[in-house]
N, C-alpha and C. Protein backbone atom coordinates (compact mmCIF):
# COMPACT_ATOMS: atom_id res chain seq x y z
N MET A 1 0.84 -1.18 0.00
CA MET A 1 0.00 0.00 0.00
C MET A 1 0.89 1.24 0.00
N ASP A 2 0.54 2.20 -0.85
CA ASP A 2 1.29 3.44 -0.89
C ASP A 2 1.04 4.27 0.36
N ILE A 3 2.12 4.82 0.87
CA ILE A 3 2.04 5.81 1.93
C ILE A 3 2.82 7.02 1.46
N TRP A 4 2.40 8.19 1.93
CA TRP A 4 3.02 9.44 1.52
C TRP A 4 3.61 10.15 2.74
N HIS A 5 4.72 10.83 2.48
CA HIS A 5 5.28 11.72 3.49
C HIS A 5 5.43 13.09 2.84
N LEU A 6 4.86 14.10 3.48
CA LEU A 6 4.95 15.48 2.99
C LEU A 6 6.20 16.11 3.57
N ALA A 7 7.07 16.57 2.69
CA ALA A 7 8.37 17.10 3.10
C ALA A 7 8.62 18.46 2.48
N LEU A 8 9.43 19.25 3.14
CA LEU A 8 9.98 20.44 2.49
C LEU A 8 10.95 19.93 1.43
N ALA A 9 10.86 20.47 0.22
CA ALA A 9 11.71 19.99 -0.86
C ALA A 9 13.19 20.09 -0.50
N ARG A 10 13.58 21.15 0.21
CA ARG A 10 14.99 21.31 0.58
C ARG A 10 15.45 20.22 1.55
N ASP A 11 14.56 19.76 2.45
CA ASP A 11 14.92 18.67 3.36
C ASP A 11 15.13 17.38 2.58
N TRP A 12 14.28 17.14 1.59
CA TRP A 12 14.43 15.92 0.79
C TRP A 12 15.74 15.98 -0.03
N GLU A 13 16.03 17.12 -0.62
CA GLU A 13 17.27 17.26 -1.39
C GLU A 13 18.49 17.01 -0.51
N SER A 14 18.48 17.51 0.71
CA SER A 14 19.57 17.26 1.65
C SER A 14 19.68 15.78 1.98
N ALA A 15 18.55 15.13 2.16
CA ALA A 15 18.54 13.70 2.49
C ALA A 15 19.14 12.87 1.38
N VAL A 16 18.82 13.21 0.15
CA VAL A 16 19.39 12.48 -0.99
C VAL A 16 20.90 12.60 -0.98
N ALA A 17 21.40 13.78 -0.65
CA ALA A 17 22.85 14.01 -0.63
C ALA A 17 23.55 13.19 0.45
N VAL A 18 22.89 12.97 1.61
CA VAL A 18 23.54 12.24 2.70
C VAL A 18 23.12 10.77 2.79
N GLY A 19 22.08 10.39 2.04
CA GLY A 19 21.71 8.98 1.98
C GLY A 19 20.60 8.53 2.90
N GLU A 20 20.00 9.45 3.67
CA GLU A 20 18.85 9.08 4.49
C GLU A 20 18.06 10.33 4.87
N TYR A 21 16.76 10.11 5.03
CA TYR A 21 15.84 11.19 5.38
C TYR A 21 15.41 10.98 6.82
N ARG A 22 15.58 12.01 7.67
CA ARG A 22 15.33 11.86 9.11
C ARG A 22 14.42 12.94 9.68
N VAL A 23 13.56 13.52 8.85
CA VAL A 23 12.62 14.53 9.33
C VAL A 23 11.30 13.83 9.62
N SER A 24 10.82 13.96 10.84
CA SER A 24 9.58 13.31 11.23
C SER A 24 8.38 14.06 10.67
N THR A 25 8.37 15.34 10.93
CA THR A 25 7.33 16.24 10.47
C THR A 25 7.92 17.63 10.48
N ARG A 26 7.21 18.58 10.02
CA ARG A 26 7.73 19.94 9.95
C ARG A 26 8.23 20.39 11.32
N GLY A 27 9.53 20.71 11.38
CA GLY A 27 10.12 21.22 12.61
C GLY A 27 10.54 20.18 13.62
N ALA A 28 10.44 18.89 13.29
CA ALA A 28 10.82 17.84 14.25
C ALA A 28 11.53 16.70 13.52
N THR A 29 12.54 16.15 14.17
CA THR A 29 13.32 15.07 13.57
C THR A 29 12.86 13.70 14.04
N LEU A 30 13.32 12.70 13.34
CA LEU A 30 13.09 11.31 13.74
C LEU A 30 13.61 11.07 15.15
N ASP A 31 14.77 11.61 15.47
CA ASP A 31 15.35 11.42 16.80
C ASP A 31 14.47 12.03 17.90
N GLU A 32 13.81 13.13 17.60
CA GLU A 32 12.96 13.79 18.58
C GLU A 32 11.61 13.07 18.77
N VAL A 33 11.05 12.57 17.68
CA VAL A 33 9.70 12.01 17.71
C VAL A 33 9.70 10.49 17.83
N GLY A 34 10.68 9.84 17.24
CA GLY A 34 10.77 8.38 17.29
C GLY A 34 10.25 7.68 16.04
N PHE A 35 9.59 8.43 15.16
CA PHE A 35 9.10 7.86 13.90
C PHE A 35 8.91 9.01 12.91
N ILE A 36 8.69 8.64 11.65
CA ILE A 36 8.42 9.63 10.61
C ILE A 36 6.92 9.57 10.31
N HIS A 37 6.27 10.72 10.44
CA HIS A 37 4.83 10.82 10.15
C HIS A 37 4.59 10.63 8.65
N CYS A 38 3.63 9.79 8.32
CA CYS A 38 3.20 9.62 6.94
C CYS A 38 1.69 9.64 6.90
N SER A 39 1.15 9.52 5.71
CA SER A 39 -0.30 9.46 5.55
C SER A 39 -0.61 8.56 4.37
N ARG A 40 -1.84 8.15 4.30
CA ARG A 40 -2.31 7.53 3.07
C ARG A 40 -2.62 8.67 2.12
N PRO A 41 -2.61 8.42 0.81
CA PRO A 41 -2.84 9.52 -0.14
C PRO A 41 -4.10 10.34 0.16
N ALA A 42 -5.17 9.71 0.55
CA ALA A 42 -6.41 10.44 0.82
C ALA A 42 -6.31 11.34 2.05
N GLN A 43 -5.36 11.07 2.95
CA GLN A 43 -5.19 11.87 4.15
C GLN A 43 -4.27 13.08 3.93
N ALA A 44 -3.49 13.06 2.87
CA ALA A 44 -2.49 14.10 2.65
C ALA A 44 -3.06 15.52 2.56
N PRO A 45 -4.20 15.73 1.88
CA PRO A 45 -4.72 17.10 1.83
C PRO A 45 -5.01 17.70 3.21
N SER A 46 -5.55 16.91 4.12
CA SER A 46 -5.84 17.46 5.45
C SER A 46 -4.55 17.70 6.24
N VAL A 47 -3.55 16.87 6.05
CA VAL A 47 -2.25 17.08 6.69
C VAL A 47 -1.63 18.38 6.17
N ALA A 48 -1.67 18.57 4.87
CA ALA A 48 -1.10 19.79 4.27
C ALA A 48 -1.82 21.03 4.79
N ALA A 49 -3.14 20.97 4.85
CA ALA A 49 -3.91 22.12 5.32
C ALA A 49 -3.63 22.43 6.78
N ARG A 50 -3.46 21.41 7.57
CA ARG A 50 -3.27 21.61 9.01
C ARG A 50 -1.86 22.05 9.38
N PHE A 51 -0.85 21.47 8.72
CA PHE A 51 0.53 21.70 9.16
C PHE A 51 1.39 22.51 8.20
N TYR A 52 0.95 22.68 6.95
CA TYR A 52 1.80 23.34 5.96
C TYR A 52 1.12 24.52 5.27
N ALA A 53 -0.03 24.95 5.75
CA ALA A 53 -0.79 26.01 5.08
C ALA A 53 -0.01 27.32 4.95
N ASP A 54 0.90 27.59 5.88
CA ASP A 54 1.66 28.83 5.83
C ASP A 54 3.02 28.71 5.14
N VAL A 55 3.29 27.56 4.55
CA VAL A 55 4.59 27.32 3.91
C VAL A 55 4.55 27.82 2.47
N ALA A 56 5.48 28.71 2.13
CA ALA A 56 5.54 29.25 0.78
C ALA A 56 6.55 28.52 -0.10
N GLU A 57 7.47 27.80 0.54
CA GLU A 57 8.52 27.14 -0.24
C GLU A 57 8.01 25.83 -0.84
N PRO A 58 8.73 25.30 -1.84
CA PRO A 58 8.30 24.07 -2.49
C PRO A 58 8.27 22.87 -1.53
N LEU A 59 7.30 22.01 -1.76
CA LEU A 59 7.15 20.78 -1.00
C LEU A 59 7.40 19.59 -1.92
N ALA A 60 7.60 18.45 -1.30
CA ALA A 60 7.75 17.20 -2.04
C ALA A 60 6.97 16.12 -1.31
N ILE A 61 6.22 15.36 -2.05
CA ILE A 61 5.54 14.20 -1.47
C ILE A 61 6.37 12.98 -1.80
N LEU A 62 6.86 12.32 -0.76
CA LEU A 62 7.64 11.09 -0.94
C LEU A 62 6.66 9.93 -0.97
N VAL A 63 6.67 9.17 -2.04
CA VAL A 63 5.76 8.04 -2.19
C VAL A 63 6.53 6.76 -1.90
N LEU A 64 6.05 6.03 -0.90
CA LEU A 64 6.68 4.77 -0.50
C LEU A 64 5.64 3.66 -0.49
N ASP A 65 6.10 2.43 -0.58
CA ASP A 65 5.23 1.28 -0.39
C ASP A 65 5.53 0.73 1.00
N ASP A 66 4.51 0.64 1.86
CA ASP A 66 4.78 0.21 3.23
C ASP A 66 5.37 -1.19 3.28
N GLY A 67 5.01 -2.05 2.36
CA GLY A 67 5.58 -3.40 2.32
C GLY A 67 7.06 -3.39 1.98
N ASP A 68 7.47 -2.51 1.06
CA ASP A 68 8.88 -2.40 0.71
C ASP A 68 9.70 -1.91 1.90
N VAL A 69 9.15 -0.96 2.64
CA VAL A 69 9.86 -0.44 3.82
C VAL A 69 10.02 -1.55 4.85
N ARG A 70 8.96 -2.31 5.09
CA ARG A 70 9.03 -3.43 6.06
C ARG A 70 10.04 -4.49 5.61
N THR A 71 10.09 -4.74 4.31
CA THR A 71 11.03 -5.73 3.78
C THR A 71 12.46 -5.34 4.10
N CYS A 72 12.72 -4.05 4.20
CA CYS A 72 14.07 -3.55 4.53
C CYS A 72 14.33 -3.54 6.03
N GLY A 73 13.37 -4.04 6.81
CA GLY A 73 13.58 -4.17 8.25
C GLY A 73 13.13 -2.98 9.08
N VAL A 74 12.40 -2.06 8.48
CA VAL A 74 11.92 -0.89 9.22
C VAL A 74 10.42 -1.07 9.48
N ASP A 75 10.02 -0.87 10.71
CA ASP A 75 8.63 -1.06 11.12
C ASP A 75 7.76 0.07 10.61
N VAL A 76 6.59 -0.28 10.09
CA VAL A 76 5.56 0.69 9.72
C VAL A 76 4.33 0.33 10.53
N ARG A 77 3.85 1.28 11.33
CA ARG A 77 2.68 1.04 12.17
C ARG A 77 1.59 2.05 11.83
N TYR A 78 0.37 1.55 11.77
CA TYR A 78 -0.79 2.43 11.57
C TYR A 78 -1.33 2.73 12.95
N GLU A 79 -1.22 4.00 13.34
CA GLU A 79 -1.55 4.39 14.71
C GLU A 79 -2.57 5.51 14.73
N ASP A 80 -3.39 5.48 15.75
CA ASP A 80 -4.45 6.47 15.93
C ASP A 80 -3.82 7.83 16.27
N ALA A 81 -4.13 8.81 15.45
CA ALA A 81 -3.63 10.16 15.68
C ALA A 81 -4.63 10.99 16.45
N GLY A 82 -5.62 10.33 17.00
CA GLY A 82 -6.69 11.02 17.71
C GLY A 82 -7.94 11.03 16.86
N GLY A 83 -9.05 10.80 17.47
CA GLY A 83 -10.31 10.81 16.73
C GLY A 83 -10.57 9.57 15.92
N GLY A 84 -9.77 8.52 16.13
CA GLY A 84 -10.00 7.26 15.44
C GLY A 84 -9.44 7.19 14.03
N GLU A 85 -8.68 8.19 13.61
CA GLU A 85 -8.07 8.14 12.28
C GLU A 85 -6.64 7.62 12.41
N PHE A 86 -6.35 6.56 11.66
CA PHE A 86 -5.05 5.90 11.75
C PHE A 86 -4.14 6.38 10.62
N PHE A 87 -2.91 6.76 11.02
CA PHE A 87 -1.91 7.23 10.08
C PHE A 87 -0.70 6.29 10.13
N PRO A 88 -0.03 6.07 8.99
CA PRO A 88 1.19 5.26 8.99
C PRO A 88 2.36 6.04 9.58
N HIS A 89 3.10 5.37 10.44
CA HIS A 89 4.32 5.92 11.03
C HIS A 89 5.47 4.98 10.69
N VAL A 90 6.55 5.54 10.17
CA VAL A 90 7.73 4.77 9.79
C VAL A 90 8.74 4.91 10.93
N TYR A 91 9.09 3.78 11.54
CA TYR A 91 9.98 3.77 12.71
C TYR A 91 11.44 3.59 12.31
N GLY A 92 11.93 4.54 11.55
CA GLY A 92 13.32 4.55 11.13
C GLY A 92 13.50 5.57 10.02
N ALA A 93 14.75 5.79 9.66
CA ALA A 93 15.05 6.74 8.58
C ALA A 93 14.59 6.17 7.25
N ILE A 94 14.24 7.06 6.35
CA ILE A 94 13.85 6.66 4.99
C ILE A 94 15.08 6.74 4.10
N VAL A 95 15.40 5.63 3.46
CA VAL A 95 16.51 5.57 2.52
C VAL A 95 15.98 6.03 1.15
N PRO A 96 16.67 6.95 0.48
CA PRO A 96 16.16 7.45 -0.79
C PRO A 96 15.80 6.37 -1.81
N ASP A 97 16.50 5.25 -1.82
CA ASP A 97 16.19 4.17 -2.76
C ASP A 97 14.80 3.58 -2.54
N TRP A 98 14.23 3.75 -1.35
CA TRP A 98 12.89 3.23 -1.07
C TRP A 98 11.80 4.08 -1.66
N VAL A 99 12.11 5.31 -2.00
CA VAL A 99 11.10 6.26 -2.47
C VAL A 99 10.79 5.95 -3.93
N ARG A 100 9.54 5.55 -4.16
CA ARG A 100 9.12 5.14 -5.50
C ARG A 100 8.88 6.33 -6.42
N ASP A 101 8.50 7.45 -5.84
CA ASP A 101 8.24 8.65 -6.63
C ASP A 101 8.34 9.86 -5.70
N VAL A 102 8.65 11.00 -6.28
CA VAL A 102 8.66 12.27 -5.56
C VAL A 102 7.76 13.21 -6.35
N LEU A 103 6.68 13.62 -5.71
CA LEU A 103 5.70 14.48 -6.37
C LEU A 103 5.89 15.92 -5.91
N PRO A 104 6.26 16.82 -6.81
CA PRO A 104 6.37 18.23 -6.42
C PRO A 104 5.00 18.74 -6.00
N ALA A 105 4.98 19.54 -4.95
CA ALA A 105 3.70 20.02 -4.43
C ALA A 105 3.89 21.38 -3.77
N ARG A 106 2.75 21.98 -3.46
CA ARG A 106 2.72 23.23 -2.70
C ARG A 106 1.34 23.32 -2.06
N VAL A 107 1.20 24.25 -1.15
CA VAL A 107 -0.10 24.53 -0.56
C VAL A 107 -0.52 25.91 -1.03
N ALA A 108 -1.70 25.98 -1.62
CA ALA A 108 -2.25 27.25 -2.10
C ALA A 108 -3.66 27.40 -1.56
N ASP A 109 -3.92 28.52 -0.91
CA ASP A 109 -5.24 28.78 -0.32
C ASP A 109 -5.66 27.64 0.62
N GLY A 110 -4.67 27.10 1.34
CA GLY A 110 -4.95 26.04 2.30
C GLY A 110 -5.17 24.67 1.70
N ARG A 111 -4.94 24.54 0.40
CA ARG A 111 -5.17 23.26 -0.27
C ARG A 111 -3.88 22.70 -0.86
N LEU A 112 -3.71 21.39 -0.80
CA LEU A 112 -2.56 20.72 -1.38
C LEU A 112 -2.70 20.70 -2.89
N VAL A 113 -1.65 21.16 -3.57
CA VAL A 113 -1.64 21.20 -5.03
C VAL A 113 -0.44 20.39 -5.51
N LEU A 114 -0.68 19.37 -6.31
CA LEU A 114 0.40 18.62 -6.93
C LEU A 114 0.79 19.32 -8.22
N GLU A 115 2.10 19.49 -8.41
CA GLU A 115 2.56 20.24 -9.59
C GLU A 115 3.11 19.33 -10.66
């Protein structure tokens, strides 16, 4: 199943250069949170509206397959984020080779726009 991670494009570019992505969510690292926040594709617009509405810089949606991540030995758990909605959390760094696609994106008028 595809899972998405919404990233600042500059954070993703830095991760590619060093060989791993360690940003959990905007303003917090994997080391601080313990996992990387992800969403299913249908959940991404609400995540963008809630946490990235004020971001003017380019974004990138990292597309991963949760089974591929698990095959590499990293745990993916679907956990309740409150209100009974379950989001995928990746319990380890994301290796760029695991990313099946990178979708350029931005938030405009509070809405996620794929470019």
